Amino acid sequence: MKPPWAHTAQKARLFVIDARGAFPISLWLLHWSYATLFIALGSILVLAILERRGLGLNAAYYLLRAKLAGPERDVVLLRNLRERSRF
């Protein structure tokens, strides 16, 4: 028998679905319509695809943000970051 803290680093799951997919399902259960059903199924599908590719929701958000920002970075922000570092 494993200790109770052995699974604390694993993602929370509702059966085979990531636990973050439970929120859209609960919205669908509160407001039954085809639109909310498709939103819930679509969000679960997106989460499953991200998990299959090895990305978490936060990592996918940062990747999308970096793609939208482009390859150029603001020089002023980098200069301020260097000035604030103590190394």
C-alpha atoms as a PDB file:
ATOM      1  CA  MET A   1       0.000   0.000   0.000  1.00  0.00           C
ATOM      2  CA  LYS A   2       1.370   3.367  -1.022  1.00  0.00           C
ATOM      3  CA  PRO A   3       1.419   6.303   1.383  1.00  0.00           C
ATOM      4  CA  PRO A   4      -1.352   8.904   0.900  1.00  0.00           C
ATOM      5  CA  TRP A   5       1.051  11.563  -0.362  1.00  0.00           C
ATOM      6  CA  ALA A   6       2.377   9.346  -3.178  1.00  0.00           C
ATOM      7  CA  HIS A   7      -0.091  10.653  -5.780  1.00  0.00           C
ATOM      8  CA  THR A   8      -0.008  14.345  -4.875  1.00  0.00           C
ATOM      9  CA  ALA A   9       2.090  15.347  -7.910  1.00  0.00           C
ATOM     10  CA  GLN A  10      -0.249  13.695 -10.419  1.00  0.00           C
ATOM     11  CA  LYS A  11      -2.968  15.589 -12.260  1.00  0.00           C
ATOM     12  CA  ALA A  12      -6.465  15.420 -10.848  1.00  0.00           C
ATOM     13  CA  ARG A  13      -8.728  13.223 -12.959  1.00  0.00           C
ATOM     14  CA  LEU A  14     -12.415  12.507 -13.163  1.00  0.00           C
ATOM     15  CA  PHE A  15     -12.245   8.912 -14.410  1.00  0.00           C
ATOM     16  CA  VAL A  16     -10.214   9.330 -17.639  1.00  0.00           C
ATOM     17  CA  ILE A  17     -10.956  13.044 -18.170  1.00  0.00           C
ATOM     18  CA  ASP A  18      -8.724  15.792 -16.830  1.00  0.00           C
ATOM     19  CA  ALA A  19     -10.437  17.453 -13.864  1.00  0.00           C
ATOM     20  CA  ARG A  20     -10.423  20.825 -15.634  1.00  0.00           C
ATOM     21  CA  GLY A  21     -12.894  19.316 -18.088  1.00  0.00           C
ATOM     22  CA  ALA A  22     -15.396  18.878 -15.271  1.00  0.00           C
ATOM     23  CA  PHE A  23     -16.174  22.603 -15.212  1.00  0.00           C
ATOM     24  CA  PRO A  24     -17.674  22.727 -18.749  1.00  0.00           C
ATOM     25  CA  ILE A  25     -19.542  19.510 -18.022  1.00  0.00           C
ATOM     26  CA  SER A  26     -21.036  21.066 -14.891  1.00  0.00           C
ATOM     27  CA  LEU A  27     -22.077  24.117 -16.932  1.00  0.00           C
ATOM     28  CA  TRP A  28     -23.778  21.800 -19.398  1.00  0.00           C
ATOM     29  CA  LEU A  29     -25.561  19.999 -16.574  1.00  0.00           C
ATOM     30  CA  LEU A  30     -26.857  23.337 -15.267  1.00  0.00           C
ATOM     31  CA  HIS A  31     -27.935  24.657 -18.679  1.00  0.00           C
ATOM     32  CA  TRP A  32     -28.946  21.881 -21.028  1.00  0.00           C
ATOM     33  CA  SER A  33     -28.635  22.923 -24.643  1.00  0.00           C
ATOM     34  CA  TYR A  34     -26.776  21.742 -27.690  1.00  0.00           C
ATOM     35  CA  ALA A  35     -24.519  24.801 -27.615  1.00  0.00           C
ATOM     36  CA  THR A  36     -23.248  24.136 -24.084  1.00  0.00           C
ATOM     37  CA  LEU A  37     -22.911  20.431 -24.892  1.00  0.00           C
ATOM     38  CA  PHE A  38     -20.695  21.215 -27.880  1.00  0.00           C
ATOM     39  CA  ILE A  39     -18.666  23.713 -25.836  1.00  0.00           C
ATOM     40  CA  ALA A  40     -18.137  21.105 -23.103  1.00  0.00           C
ATOM     41  CA  LEU A  41     -17.177  18.363 -25.574  1.00  0.00           C
ATOM     42  CA  GLY A  42     -14.915  20.753 -27.493  1.00  0.00           C
ATOM     43  CA  SER A  43     -13.082  21.842 -24.355  1.00  0.00           C
ATOM     44  CA  ILE A  44     -12.585  18.227 -23.290  1.00  0.00           C
ATOM     45  CA  LEU A  45     -11.286  17.426 -26.778  1.00  0.00           C
ATOM     46  CA  VAL A  46      -8.842  20.360 -26.659  1.00  0.00           C
ATOM     47  CA  LEU A  47      -7.606  19.290 -23.212  1.00  0.00           C
ATOM     48  CA  ALA A  48      -7.164  15.707 -24.437  1.00  0.00           C
ATOM     49  CA  ILE A  49      -5.195  16.844 -27.499  1.00  0.00           C
ATOM     50  CA  LEU A  50      -2.962  19.062 -25.351  1.00  0.00           C
ATOM     51  CA  GLU A  51      -2.355  16.209 -22.927  1.00  0.00           C
ATOM     52  CA  ARG A  52      -1.559  13.840 -25.797  1.00  0.00           C
ATOM     53  CA  ARG A  53       1.067  16.315 -27.065  1.00  0.00           C
ATOM     54  CA  GLY A  54       2.577  16.532 -23.580  1.00  0.00           C
ATOM     55  CA  LEU A  55       1.480  20.087 -22.823  1.00  0.00           C
ATOM     56  CA  GLY A  56      -0.363  21.306 -19.784  1.00  0.00           C
ATOM     57  CA  LEU A  57      -2.901  24.098 -19.987  1.00  0.00           C
ATOM     58  CA  ASN A  58      -0.420  26.688 -18.675  1.00  0.00           C
ATOM     59  CA  ALA A  59       2.323  25.572 -21.068  1.00  0.00           C
ATOM     60  CA  ALA A  60      -0.078  25.738 -24.015  1.00  0.00           C
ATOM     61  CA  TYR A  61      -1.130  29.237 -22.974  1.00  0.00           C
ATOM     62  CA  TYR A  62       2.498  30.415 -22.804  1.00  0.00           C
ATOM     63  CA  LEU A  63       3.258  28.800 -26.159  1.00  0.00           C
ATOM     64  CA  LEU A  64       0.262  30.511 -27.781  1.00  0.00           C
ATOM     65  CA  ARG A  65       1.236  33.837 -26.219  1.00  0.00           C
ATOM     66  CA  ALA A  66       4.809  33.500 -27.514  1.00  0.00           C
ATOM     67  CA  LYS A  67       3.554  32.646 -31.011  1.00  0.00           C
ATOM     68  CA  LEU A  68       1.245  35.675 -31.049  1.00  0.00           C
ATOM     69  CA  ALA A  69       3.955  38.026 -29.727  1.00  0.00           C
ATOM     70  CA  GLY A  70       6.368  37.035 -32.473  1.00  0.00           C
ATOM     71  CA  PRO A  71      10.131  36.664 -32.449  1.00  0.00           C
ATOM     72  CA  GLU A  72      10.908  40.294 -31.551  1.00  0.00           C
ATOM     73  CA  ARG A  73      11.029  41.299 -27.903  1.00  0.00           C
ATOM     74  CA  ASP A  74      10.899  44.751 -26.418  1.00  0.00           C
ATOM     75  CA  VAL A  75      14.464  45.892 -25.725  1.00  0.00           C
ATOM     76  CA  VAL A  76      13.423  48.241 -22.925  1.00  0.00           C
ATOM     77  CA  LEU A  77      11.897  45.395 -20.935  1.00  0.00           C
ATOM     78  CA  LEU A  78      15.014  43.262 -21.353  1.00  0.00           C
ATOM     79  CA  ARG A  79      17.258  46.153 -20.334  1.00  0.00           C
ATOM     80  CA  ASN A  80      15.171  46.764 -17.204  1.00  0.00           C
ATOM     81  CA  LEU A  81      15.300  43.078 -16.391  1.00  0.00           C
ATOM     82  CA  ARG A  82      19.079  43.087 -16.624  1.00  0.00           C
ATOM     83  CA  GLU A  83      19.320  46.144 -14.390  1.00  0.00           C
ATOM     84  CA  ARG A  84      17.114  44.567 -11.765  1.00  0.00           C
ATOM     85  CA  SER A  85      19.044  41.310 -11.629  1.00  0.00           C
ATOM     86  CA  ARG A  86      21.774  41.181  -9.039  1.00  0.00           C
ATOM     87  CA  PHE A  87      24.112  38.823 -10.854  1.00  0.00           C
END
